[in-house]
Amino acid sequence: MVALGALTFFCLPSPVARLQGLAADQLPKWRRGDDDFRTAAKWVRDNTPPDAVVIAPPWRKDAFYFTHRPLVADWHAPRYDAMTEWRQRVEALVGDVSHMDVEDNLAGEMDQTARDHYARLRPAELSAIARRFGGDVLITEGRYDYPALFHRGSYTVYRLDPAQDVRLPGTASVGP
């Protein structure tokens, strides 16, 4: 019994080694500067009313964290009390990916299909999403004729409702 206990003890992963591995994995992420999406999301947080509803890429786990605003859909935060509506919201933004299986997702096909669909949403689709689920501002890599409030790199923040009260800073563009 003692030998079995010792063997079990030495076979268990070391919590210290696990912590070191976790720190080594996460530290570069913490030191890295904000990407274009995070910069745009922070702009939304700092320059829109607290109740402004944001249409943001639903696969971005950090969208709510950086915008501090209600989102139309968040892929990673399903509403268990309203699964059908959550799915409708996600599918409105990324299209129907239900025909794909786990291997497609692991191969990145689902992610690419979702990204492509989101970046190519037509203005009529965006209007329908905004009417049905809300949507005051849009953070996207797509290009639209809506009023651009902010642009950074590949991401632009658009105002979907021209009557919306959005405080505009002195400069609406940062960086390349």
N, C-alpha and C. Protein backbone atom coordinates (compact mmCIF):
# COMPACT_ATOMS: atom_id res chain seq x y z
N MET A 1 0.82 -1.18 0.00
CA MET A 1 0.00 0.00 0.00
C MET A 1 0.88 1.26 0.00
N VAL A 2 1.95 1.23 0.76
CA VAL A 2 2.87 2.37 0.82
C VAL A 2 3.51 2.58 -0.55
N ALA A 3 3.90 1.47 -1.18
CA ALA A 3 4.53 1.57 -2.51
C ALA A 3 3.54 2.14 -3.53
N LEU A 4 2.30 1.70 -3.46
CA LEU A 4 1.28 2.22 -4.36
C LEU A 4 1.04 3.71 -4.12
N GLY A 5 1.02 4.12 -2.87
CA GLY A 5 0.85 5.52 -2.52
C GLY A 5 2.02 6.36 -3.02
N ALA A 6 3.24 5.85 -2.85
CA ALA A 6 4.42 6.58 -3.33
C ALA A 6 4.41 6.69 -4.85
N LEU A 7 4.05 5.60 -5.52
CA LEU A 7 3.98 5.61 -6.98
C LEU A 7 2.94 6.63 -7.46
N THR A 8 1.80 6.64 -6.81
CA THR A 8 0.75 7.58 -7.17
C THR A 8 1.22 9.01 -6.96
N PHE A 9 1.89 9.25 -5.83
CA PHE A 9 2.37 10.59 -5.51
C PHE A 9 3.35 11.09 -6.57
N PHE A 10 4.29 10.23 -6.97
CA PHE A 10 5.31 10.64 -7.93
C PHE A 10 4.78 10.71 -9.36
N CYS A 11 3.67 10.07 -9.63
CA CYS A 11 3.07 10.13 -10.97
C CYS A 11 2.17 11.35 -11.16
N LEU A 12 1.72 11.94 -10.08
CA LEU A 12 0.87 13.12 -10.19
C LEU A 12 1.69 14.31 -10.68
N PRO A 13 1.11 15.13 -11.50
CA PRO A 13 1.84 16.31 -11.96
C PRO A 13 2.10 17.27 -10.80
N SER A 14 3.23 17.90 -10.86
CA SER A 14 3.61 18.83 -9.81
C SER A 14 2.80 20.12 -9.94
N PRO A 15 2.15 20.57 -8.87
CA PRO A 15 1.42 21.83 -8.94
C PRO A 15 2.35 23.01 -9.21
N VAL A 16 3.58 22.95 -8.71
CA VAL A 16 4.54 24.03 -8.95
C VAL A 16 4.92 24.08 -10.43
N ALA A 17 5.18 22.90 -11.01
CA ALA A 17 5.52 22.85 -12.44
C ALA A 17 4.34 23.32 -13.28
N ARG A 18 3.14 22.95 -12.88
CA ARG A 18 1.94 23.38 -13.60
C ARG A 18 1.80 24.90 -13.55
N LEU A 19 2.03 25.48 -12.39
CA LEU A 19 1.95 26.93 -12.23
C LEU A 19 3.03 27.63 -13.06
N GLN A 20 4.24 27.07 -13.08
CA GLN A 20 5.31 27.65 -13.90
C GLN A 20 4.94 27.59 -15.38
N GLY A 21 4.39 26.47 -15.82
CA GLY A 21 3.98 26.34 -17.22
C GLY A 21 2.87 27.32 -17.57
N LEU A 22 1.92 27.48 -16.67
CA LEU A 22 0.82 28.42 -16.90
C LEU A 22 1.34 29.86 -16.99
N ALA A 23 2.25 30.21 -16.08
CA ALA A 23 2.83 31.56 -16.11
C ALA A 23 3.63 31.78 -17.39
N ALA A 24 4.41 30.79 -17.79
CA ALA A 24 5.20 30.92 -19.02
C ALA A 24 4.30 31.07 -20.24
N ASP A 25 3.15 30.42 -20.22
CA ASP A 25 2.22 30.52 -21.34
C ASP A 25 1.49 31.86 -21.37
N GLN A 26 1.11 32.36 -20.21
CA GLN A 26 0.28 33.57 -20.14
C GLN A 26 1.08 34.87 -20.12
N LEU A 27 2.29 34.85 -19.61
CA LEU A 27 3.06 36.09 -19.47
C LEU A 27 3.26 36.83 -20.78
N PRO A 28 3.61 36.16 -21.88
CA PRO A 28 3.73 36.91 -23.14
C PRO A 28 2.41 37.56 -23.57
N LYS A 29 1.28 36.93 -23.28
CA LYS A 29 -0.02 37.50 -23.63
C LYS A 29 -0.27 38.77 -22.82
N TRP A 30 0.14 38.78 -21.57
CA TRP A 30 -0.07 39.95 -20.72
C TRP A 30 0.83 41.10 -21.15
N ARG A 31 2.03 40.79 -21.62
CA ARG A 31 2.98 41.82 -22.00
C ARG A 31 2.69 42.40 -23.38
N ARG A 32 2.02 41.64 -24.21
CA ARG A 32 1.72 42.07 -25.57
C ARG A 32 0.77 43.25 -25.53
N GLY A 33 0.97 44.17 -26.44
CA GLY A 33 0.08 45.33 -26.53
C GLY A 33 -1.28 44.93 -27.07
N ASP A 34 -2.20 45.87 -27.04
CA ASP A 34 -3.54 45.61 -27.55
C ASP A 34 -3.52 45.42 -29.06
N ASP A 35 -4.31 44.48 -29.54
CA ASP A 35 -4.48 44.33 -30.98
C ASP A 35 -5.52 45.36 -31.43
N ASP A 36 -5.74 45.42 -32.73
CA ASP A 36 -6.66 46.42 -33.30
C ASP A 36 -8.07 46.27 -32.73
N PHE A 37 -8.53 45.02 -32.57
CA PHE A 37 -9.88 44.84 -32.03
C PHE A 37 -9.98 45.40 -30.61
N ARG A 38 -9.02 45.08 -29.77
CA ARG A 38 -9.08 45.56 -28.38
C ARG A 38 -9.05 47.09 -28.32
N THR A 39 -8.26 47.70 -29.18
CA THR A 39 -8.21 49.16 -29.21
C THR A 39 -9.57 49.72 -29.61
N ALA A 40 -10.19 49.12 -30.62
CA ALA A 40 -11.53 49.56 -31.05
C ALA A 40 -12.56 49.33 -29.94
N ALA A 41 -12.47 48.18 -29.27
CA ALA A 41 -13.42 47.88 -28.19
C ALA A 41 -13.26 48.86 -27.04
N LYS A 42 -12.04 49.21 -26.71
CA LYS A 42 -11.82 50.20 -25.65
C LYS A 42 -12.35 51.57 -26.07
N TRP A 43 -12.23 51.90 -27.35
CA TRP A 43 -12.79 53.15 -27.82
C TRP A 43 -14.30 53.16 -27.62
N VAL A 44 -14.95 52.04 -27.94
CA VAL A 44 -16.40 51.93 -27.73
C VAL A 44 -16.72 52.14 -26.25
N ARG A 45 -15.97 51.50 -25.39
CA ARG A 45 -16.19 51.64 -23.94
C ARG A 45 -16.09 53.10 -23.50
N ASP A 46 -15.11 53.82 -24.02
CA ASP A 46 -14.84 55.18 -23.57
C ASP A 46 -15.68 56.25 -24.27
N ASN A 47 -16.35 55.90 -25.38
CA ASN A 47 -16.99 56.93 -26.19
C ASN A 47 -18.44 56.65 -26.57
N THR A 48 -19.05 55.68 -25.96
CA THR A 48 -20.47 55.41 -26.23
C THR A 48 -21.23 55.35 -24.92
N PRO A 49 -22.52 55.59 -24.98
CA PRO A 49 -23.32 55.51 -23.75
C PRO A 49 -23.27 54.09 -23.17
N PRO A 50 -23.38 53.95 -21.87
CA PRO A 50 -23.30 52.64 -21.22
C PRO A 50 -24.34 51.63 -21.71
N ASP A 51 -25.46 52.12 -22.25
CA ASP A 51 -26.49 51.20 -22.71
C ASP A 51 -26.43 50.94 -24.22
N ALA A 52 -25.38 51.42 -24.88
CA ALA A 52 -25.24 51.18 -26.32
C ALA A 52 -25.02 49.69 -26.57
N VAL A 53 -25.78 49.12 -27.48
CA VAL A 53 -25.66 47.70 -27.81
C VAL A 53 -24.65 47.55 -28.93
N VAL A 54 -23.71 46.64 -28.74
CA VAL A 54 -22.59 46.48 -29.66
C VAL A 54 -22.73 45.20 -30.47
N ILE A 55 -22.54 45.34 -31.77
CA ILE A 55 -22.40 44.18 -32.64
C ILE A 55 -20.90 44.01 -32.82
N ALA A 56 -20.37 42.94 -32.26
CA ALA A 56 -18.94 42.67 -32.30
C ALA A 56 -18.74 41.22 -32.75
N PRO A 57 -17.55 40.88 -33.20
CA PRO A 57 -17.31 39.49 -33.59
C PRO A 57 -17.64 38.56 -32.42
N PRO A 58 -18.62 37.67 -32.58
CA PRO A 58 -19.07 36.86 -31.45
C PRO A 58 -18.05 35.83 -30.98
N TRP A 59 -17.03 35.55 -31.76
CA TRP A 59 -16.01 34.58 -31.36
C TRP A 59 -14.96 35.22 -30.46
N ARG A 60 -14.95 36.55 -30.35
CA ARG A 60 -13.96 37.21 -29.51
C ARG A 60 -14.38 37.08 -28.05
N LYS A 61 -13.64 36.30 -27.29
CA LYS A 61 -13.97 36.08 -25.89
C LYS A 61 -13.82 37.35 -25.06
N ASP A 62 -13.04 38.29 -25.56
CA ASP A 62 -12.74 39.50 -24.80
C ASP A 62 -13.62 40.69 -25.16
N ALA A 63 -14.61 40.50 -26.02
CA ALA A 63 -15.43 41.63 -26.48
C ALA A 63 -16.13 42.34 -25.32
N PHE A 64 -16.83 41.60 -24.49
CA PHE A 64 -17.55 42.24 -23.38
C PHE A 64 -16.57 42.83 -22.37
N TYR A 65 -15.48 42.13 -22.13
CA TYR A 65 -14.49 42.59 -21.16
C TYR A 65 -13.95 43.97 -21.52
N PHE A 66 -13.72 44.21 -22.81
CA PHE A 66 -13.14 45.49 -23.22
C PHE A 66 -14.18 46.55 -23.57
N THR A 67 -15.35 46.16 -24.05
CA THR A 67 -16.36 47.17 -24.38
C THR A 67 -17.16 47.63 -23.17
N HIS A 68 -17.37 46.73 -22.22
CA HIS A 68 -18.24 47.01 -21.06
C HIS A 68 -19.63 47.40 -21.53
N ARG A 69 -20.06 46.86 -22.64
CA ARG A 69 -21.36 47.17 -23.23
C ARG A 69 -22.10 45.87 -23.54
N PRO A 70 -23.44 45.94 -23.59
CA PRO A 70 -24.20 44.75 -23.99
C PRO A 70 -23.86 44.37 -25.43
N LEU A 71 -23.75 43.08 -25.66
CA LEU A 71 -23.43 42.55 -26.99
C LEU A 71 -24.65 41.88 -27.58
N VAL A 72 -24.76 41.91 -28.89
CA VAL A 72 -25.85 41.19 -29.56
C VAL A 72 -25.66 39.70 -29.33
N ALA A 73 -24.43 39.21 -29.46
CA ALA A 73 -24.18 37.78 -29.27
C ALA A 73 -22.74 37.55 -28.84
N ASP A 74 -22.56 36.56 -28.00
CA ASP A 74 -21.23 36.12 -27.56
C ASP A 74 -21.22 34.60 -27.67
N TRP A 75 -20.43 34.09 -28.58
CA TRP A 75 -20.36 32.66 -28.84
C TRP A 75 -20.05 31.87 -27.57
N HIS A 76 -19.24 32.46 -26.69
CA HIS A 76 -18.74 31.75 -25.51
C HIS A 76 -19.57 31.97 -24.25
N ALA A 77 -20.68 32.68 -24.38
CA ALA A 77 -21.54 32.92 -23.22
C ALA A 77 -22.99 32.66 -23.59
N PRO A 78 -23.34 31.40 -23.77
CA PRO A 78 -24.73 31.10 -24.14
C PRO A 78 -25.69 31.41 -23.00
N ARG A 79 -26.89 31.82 -23.38
CA ARG A 79 -27.96 32.04 -22.41
C ARG A 79 -28.71 30.72 -22.27
N TYR A 80 -28.50 30.02 -21.19
CA TYR A 80 -29.12 28.71 -21.02
C TYR A 80 -30.62 28.80 -20.82
N ASP A 81 -31.11 29.98 -20.44
CA ASP A 81 -32.54 30.15 -20.30
C ASP A 81 -33.19 30.59 -21.62
N ALA A 82 -32.36 30.83 -22.64
CA ALA A 82 -32.87 31.26 -23.94
C ALA A 82 -31.94 30.76 -25.05
N MET A 83 -31.75 29.45 -25.10
CA MET A 83 -30.80 28.87 -26.05
C MET A 83 -31.20 29.13 -27.50
N THR A 84 -32.48 29.07 -27.81
CA THR A 84 -32.91 29.29 -29.19
C THR A 84 -32.58 30.71 -29.63
N GLU A 85 -32.87 31.70 -28.79
CA GLU A 85 -32.57 33.08 -29.15
C GLU A 85 -31.06 33.29 -29.25
N TRP A 86 -30.28 32.70 -28.33
CA TRP A 86 -28.82 32.82 -28.38
C TRP A 86 -28.30 32.29 -29.71
N ARG A 87 -28.80 31.12 -30.11
CA ARG A 87 -28.35 30.54 -31.37
C ARG A 87 -28.77 31.42 -32.55
N GLN A 88 -29.97 31.97 -32.52
CA GLN A 88 -30.43 32.86 -33.59
C GLN A 88 -29.53 34.09 -33.69
N ARG A 89 -29.15 34.62 -32.56
CA ARG A 89 -28.27 35.79 -32.55
C ARG A 89 -26.90 35.46 -33.14
N VAL A 90 -26.33 34.35 -32.71
CA VAL A 90 -25.02 33.94 -33.22
C VAL A 90 -25.10 33.67 -34.72
N GLU A 91 -26.13 32.94 -35.14
CA GLU A 91 -26.26 32.62 -36.56
C GLU A 91 -26.54 33.86 -37.40
N ALA A 92 -27.20 34.86 -36.84
CA ALA A 92 -27.42 36.09 -37.59
C ALA A 92 -26.08 36.76 -37.91
N LEU A 93 -25.11 36.58 -37.03
CA LEU A 93 -23.81 37.22 -37.22
C LEU A 93 -22.82 36.36 -38.01
N VAL A 94 -22.87 35.04 -37.84
CA VAL A 94 -21.84 34.19 -38.47
C VAL A 94 -22.40 33.20 -39.47
N GLY A 95 -23.71 33.17 -39.64
CA GLY A 95 -24.31 32.22 -40.56
C GLY A 95 -24.53 30.87 -39.89
N ASP A 96 -25.15 29.98 -40.63
CA ASP A 96 -25.46 28.65 -40.12
C ASP A 96 -24.24 27.75 -40.27
N VAL A 97 -23.67 27.35 -39.16
CA VAL A 97 -22.53 26.44 -39.18
C VAL A 97 -22.90 25.08 -38.59
N SER A 98 -24.20 24.82 -38.45
CA SER A 98 -24.64 23.58 -37.82
C SER A 98 -24.32 22.35 -38.65
N HIS A 99 -24.13 22.52 -39.95
CA HIS A 99 -23.82 21.38 -40.81
C HIS A 99 -22.36 20.93 -40.66
N MET A 100 -21.54 21.73 -40.02
CA MET A 100 -20.13 21.37 -39.84
C MET A 100 -19.99 20.51 -38.60
N ASP A 101 -19.00 19.65 -38.64
CA ASP A 101 -18.78 18.78 -37.48
C ASP A 101 -17.54 19.22 -36.71
N VAL A 102 -17.22 18.46 -35.68
CA VAL A 102 -16.11 18.81 -34.79
C VAL A 102 -14.80 18.91 -35.57
N GLU A 103 -14.57 18.00 -36.51
CA GLU A 103 -13.33 18.02 -37.28
C GLU A 103 -13.20 19.31 -38.09
N ASP A 104 -14.32 19.79 -38.62
CA ASP A 104 -14.30 21.05 -39.36
C ASP A 104 -13.87 22.19 -38.44
N ASN A 105 -14.39 22.18 -37.23
CA ASN A 105 -14.03 23.23 -36.29
C ASN A 105 -12.57 23.12 -35.90
N LEU A 106 -12.11 21.91 -35.61
CA LEU A 106 -10.72 21.73 -35.23
C LEU A 106 -9.78 22.12 -36.36
N ALA A 107 -10.21 21.93 -37.60
CA ALA A 107 -9.39 22.29 -38.75
C ALA A 107 -9.45 23.79 -39.03
N GLY A 108 -10.31 24.52 -38.33
CA GLY A 108 -10.42 25.96 -38.50
C GLY A 108 -11.43 26.38 -39.54
N GLU A 109 -12.07 25.42 -40.20
CA GLU A 109 -13.02 25.78 -41.25
C GLU A 109 -14.23 26.53 -40.69
N MET A 110 -14.72 26.09 -39.52
CA MET A 110 -15.87 26.77 -38.92
C MET A 110 -15.50 28.20 -38.57
N ASP A 111 -14.33 28.38 -37.98
CA ASP A 111 -13.91 29.72 -37.61
C ASP A 111 -13.78 30.61 -38.83
N GLN A 112 -13.17 30.10 -39.90
CA GLN A 112 -12.99 30.90 -41.10
C GLN A 112 -14.32 31.21 -41.77
N THR A 113 -15.21 30.23 -41.79
CA THR A 113 -16.54 30.45 -42.35
C THR A 113 -17.27 31.53 -41.57
N ALA A 114 -17.19 31.47 -40.24
CA ALA A 114 -17.85 32.47 -39.39
C ALA A 114 -17.25 33.86 -39.63
N ARG A 115 -15.94 33.94 -39.67
CA ARG A 115 -15.27 35.23 -39.87
C ARG A 115 -15.63 35.84 -41.23
N ASP A 116 -15.63 35.00 -42.25
CA ASP A 116 -15.96 35.49 -43.59
C ASP A 116 -17.39 36.00 -43.65
N HIS A 117 -18.31 35.25 -43.05
CA HIS A 117 -19.71 35.67 -43.06
C HIS A 117 -19.88 36.99 -42.32
N TYR A 118 -19.28 37.11 -41.15
CA TYR A 118 -19.39 38.33 -40.35
C TYR A 118 -18.83 39.53 -41.10
N ALA A 119 -17.69 39.35 -41.73
CA ALA A 119 -17.05 40.47 -42.44
C ALA A 119 -17.82 40.89 -43.68
N ARG A 120 -18.70 40.00 -44.17
CA ARG A 120 -19.44 40.31 -45.39
C ARG A 120 -20.94 40.49 -45.16
N LEU A 121 -21.33 40.77 -43.94
CA LEU A 121 -22.75 41.03 -43.68
C LEU A 121 -23.20 42.21 -44.54
N ARG A 122 -24.33 42.04 -45.19
CA ARG A 122 -24.89 43.12 -46.03
C ARG A 122 -25.59 44.14 -45.13
N PRO A 123 -25.65 45.39 -45.57
CA PRO A 123 -26.34 46.42 -44.78
C PRO A 123 -27.77 46.02 -44.41
N ALA A 124 -28.48 45.34 -45.32
CA ALA A 124 -29.85 44.90 -45.01
C ALA A 124 -29.83 43.89 -43.86
N GLU A 125 -28.84 43.01 -43.84
CA GLU A 125 -28.73 42.04 -42.74
C GLU A 125 -28.41 42.75 -41.43
N LEU A 126 -27.51 43.72 -41.48
CA LEU A 126 -27.17 44.47 -40.27
C LEU A 126 -28.38 45.24 -39.75
N SER A 127 -29.14 45.82 -40.65
CA SER A 127 -30.36 46.53 -40.24
C SER A 127 -31.35 45.58 -39.57
N ALA A 128 -31.50 44.39 -40.13
CA ALA A 128 -32.41 43.40 -39.56
C ALA A 128 -31.92 42.95 -38.18
N ILE A 129 -30.62 42.76 -38.03
CA ILE A 129 -30.05 42.38 -36.73
C ILE A 129 -30.29 43.49 -35.72
N ALA A 130 -30.03 44.72 -36.12
CA ALA A 130 -30.21 45.86 -35.20
C ALA A 130 -31.67 46.02 -34.79
N ARG A 131 -32.59 45.82 -35.73
CA ARG A 131 -34.02 45.93 -35.40
C ARG A 131 -34.44 44.81 -34.47
N ARG A 132 -33.97 43.60 -34.73
CA ARG A 132 -34.43 42.44 -33.97
C ARG A 132 -33.77 42.31 -32.60
N PHE A 133 -32.46 42.52 -32.56
CA PHE A 133 -31.71 42.26 -31.32
C PHE A 133 -31.09 43.51 -30.71
N GLY A 134 -31.18 44.62 -31.39
CA GLY A 134 -30.49 45.83 -30.94
C GLY A 134 -29.16 45.93 -31.68
N GLY A 135 -28.59 47.07 -31.61
CA GLY A 135 -27.31 47.27 -32.27
C GLY A 135 -27.14 48.74 -32.59
N ASP A 136 -26.33 49.39 -31.79
CA ASP A 136 -26.07 50.82 -31.99
C ASP A 136 -24.76 51.04 -32.72
N VAL A 137 -23.75 50.23 -32.38
CA VAL A 137 -22.44 50.34 -33.02
C VAL A 137 -21.99 48.97 -33.48
N LEU A 138 -21.17 48.97 -34.52
CA LEU A 138 -20.64 47.76 -35.13
C LEU A 138 -19.13 47.83 -35.13
N ILE A 139 -18.48 46.78 -34.60
CA ILE A 139 -17.03 46.67 -34.68
C ILE A 139 -16.74 45.57 -35.68
N THR A 140 -16.04 45.91 -36.77
CA THR A 140 -15.86 44.93 -37.84
C THR A 140 -14.62 45.22 -38.67
N GLU A 141 -14.20 44.20 -39.39
CA GLU A 141 -13.15 44.37 -40.40
C GLU A 141 -13.75 44.67 -41.76
N GLY A 142 -15.08 44.53 -41.87
CA GLY A 142 -15.77 44.83 -43.11
C GLY A 142 -15.82 46.34 -43.36
N ARG A 143 -16.12 46.71 -44.58
CA ARG A 143 -16.22 48.12 -44.95
C ARG A 143 -17.66 48.45 -45.31
N TYR A 144 -18.15 49.55 -44.73
CA TYR A 144 -19.55 49.95 -44.92
C TYR A 144 -19.64 51.45 -45.15
N ASP A 145 -20.83 51.88 -45.59
CA ASP A 145 -21.10 53.31 -45.79
C ASP A 145 -21.67 53.97 -44.54
N TYR A 146 -21.81 53.22 -43.45
CA TYR A 146 -22.28 53.82 -42.20
C TYR A 146 -21.23 54.84 -41.72
N PRO A 147 -21.64 55.78 -40.87
CA PRO A 147 -20.65 56.73 -40.33
C PRO A 147 -19.58 55.99 -39.52
N ALA A 148 -18.34 56.17 -39.92
CA ALA A 148 -17.21 55.56 -39.20
C ALA A 148 -16.86 56.45 -38.02
N LEU A 149 -16.88 55.87 -36.84
CA LEU A 149 -16.57 56.62 -35.63
C LEU A 149 -15.11 56.50 -35.24
N PHE A 150 -14.52 55.36 -35.56
CA PHE A 150 -13.14 55.09 -35.14
C PHE A 150 -12.57 54.03 -36.06
N HIS A 151 -11.29 54.15 -36.35
CA HIS A 151 -10.62 53.15 -37.17
C HIS A 151 -9.23 52.89 -36.61
N ARG A 152 -8.89 51.62 -36.51
CA ARG A 152 -7.54 51.23 -36.08
C ARG A 152 -7.16 49.96 -36.82
N GLY A 153 -6.15 50.04 -37.66
CA GLY A 153 -5.68 48.86 -38.39
C GLY A 153 -6.78 48.27 -39.25
N SER A 154 -7.15 47.04 -38.95
CA SER A 154 -8.16 46.35 -39.75
C SER A 154 -9.58 46.54 -39.22
N TYR A 155 -9.74 47.12 -38.04
CA TYR A 155 -11.07 47.25 -37.43
C TYR A 155 -11.59 48.69 -37.50
N THR A 156 -12.88 48.78 -37.76
CA THR A 156 -13.57 50.07 -37.78
C THR A 156 -14.81 49.96 -36.89
N VAL A 157 -15.10 51.04 -36.19
CA VAL A 157 -16.33 51.14 -35.40
C VAL A 157 -17.28 52.04 -36.19
N TYR A 158 -18.45 51.49 -36.51
CA TYR A 158 -19.46 52.22 -37.26
C TYR A 158 -20.66 52.52 -36.36
N ARG A 159 -21.29 53.65 -36.60
CA ARG A 159 -22.55 53.97 -35.93
C ARG A 159 -23.67 53.50 -36.86
N LEU A 160 -24.52 52.62 -36.36
CA LEU A 160 -25.60 52.09 -37.18
C LEU A 160 -26.81 53.01 -37.19
N ASP A 161 -27.02 53.72 -36.10
CA ASP A 161 -28.15 54.64 -35.99
C ASP A 161 -27.62 56.07 -35.98
N PRO A 162 -27.80 56.81 -37.09
CA PRO A 162 -27.25 58.17 -37.15
C PRO A 162 -27.78 59.09 -36.05
N ALA A 163 -28.94 58.79 -35.48
CA ALA A 163 -29.50 59.65 -34.43
C ALA A 163 -28.91 59.34 -33.06
N GLN A 164 -28.12 58.28 -32.96
CA GLN A 164 -27.57 57.89 -31.67
C GLN A 164 -26.61 58.94 -31.13
N ASP A 165 -26.67 59.19 -29.85
CA ASP A 165 -25.80 60.16 -29.21
C ASP A 165 -24.49 59.46 -28.82
N VAL A 166 -23.45 59.67 -29.62
CA VAL A 166 -22.14 59.11 -29.32
C VAL A 166 -21.17 60.26 -29.19
N ARG A 167 -20.50 60.32 -28.05
CA ARG A 167 -19.51 61.36 -27.84
C ARG A 167 -18.32 61.08 -28.75
N LEU A 168 -17.99 62.01 -29.60
CA LEU A 168 -16.85 61.83 -30.50
C LEU A 168 -15.64 62.55 -29.95
N PRO A 169 -14.51 61.83 -29.84
CA PRO A 169 -13.29 62.49 -29.39
C PRO A 169 -12.75 63.38 -30.51
N GLY A 170 -11.70 64.11 -30.22
CA GLY A 170 -11.12 64.99 -31.22
C GLY A 170 -10.61 64.24 -32.45
N THR A 171 -10.13 63.03 -32.27
CA THR A 171 -9.59 62.25 -33.37
C THR A 171 -10.34 60.94 -33.45
N ALA A 172 -10.79 60.58 -34.64
CA ALA A 172 -11.55 59.33 -34.80
C ALA A 172 -10.70 58.22 -35.36
N SER A 173 -9.40 58.45 -35.52
CA SER A 173 -8.54 57.41 -36.07
C SER A 173 -7.24 57.38 -35.31
N VAL A 174 -6.78 56.18 -35.02
CA VAL A 174 -5.52 56.02 -34.31
C VAL A 174 -4.70 54.99 -35.07
N GLY A 175 -3.47 55.31 -35.31
CA GLY A 175 -2.54 54.33 -35.91
C GLY A 175 -2.80 54.10 -37.38
N PRO A 176 -2.11 53.09 -37.90
CA PRO A 176 -2.20 52.82 -39.34
C PRO A 176 -3.53 52.26 -39.75
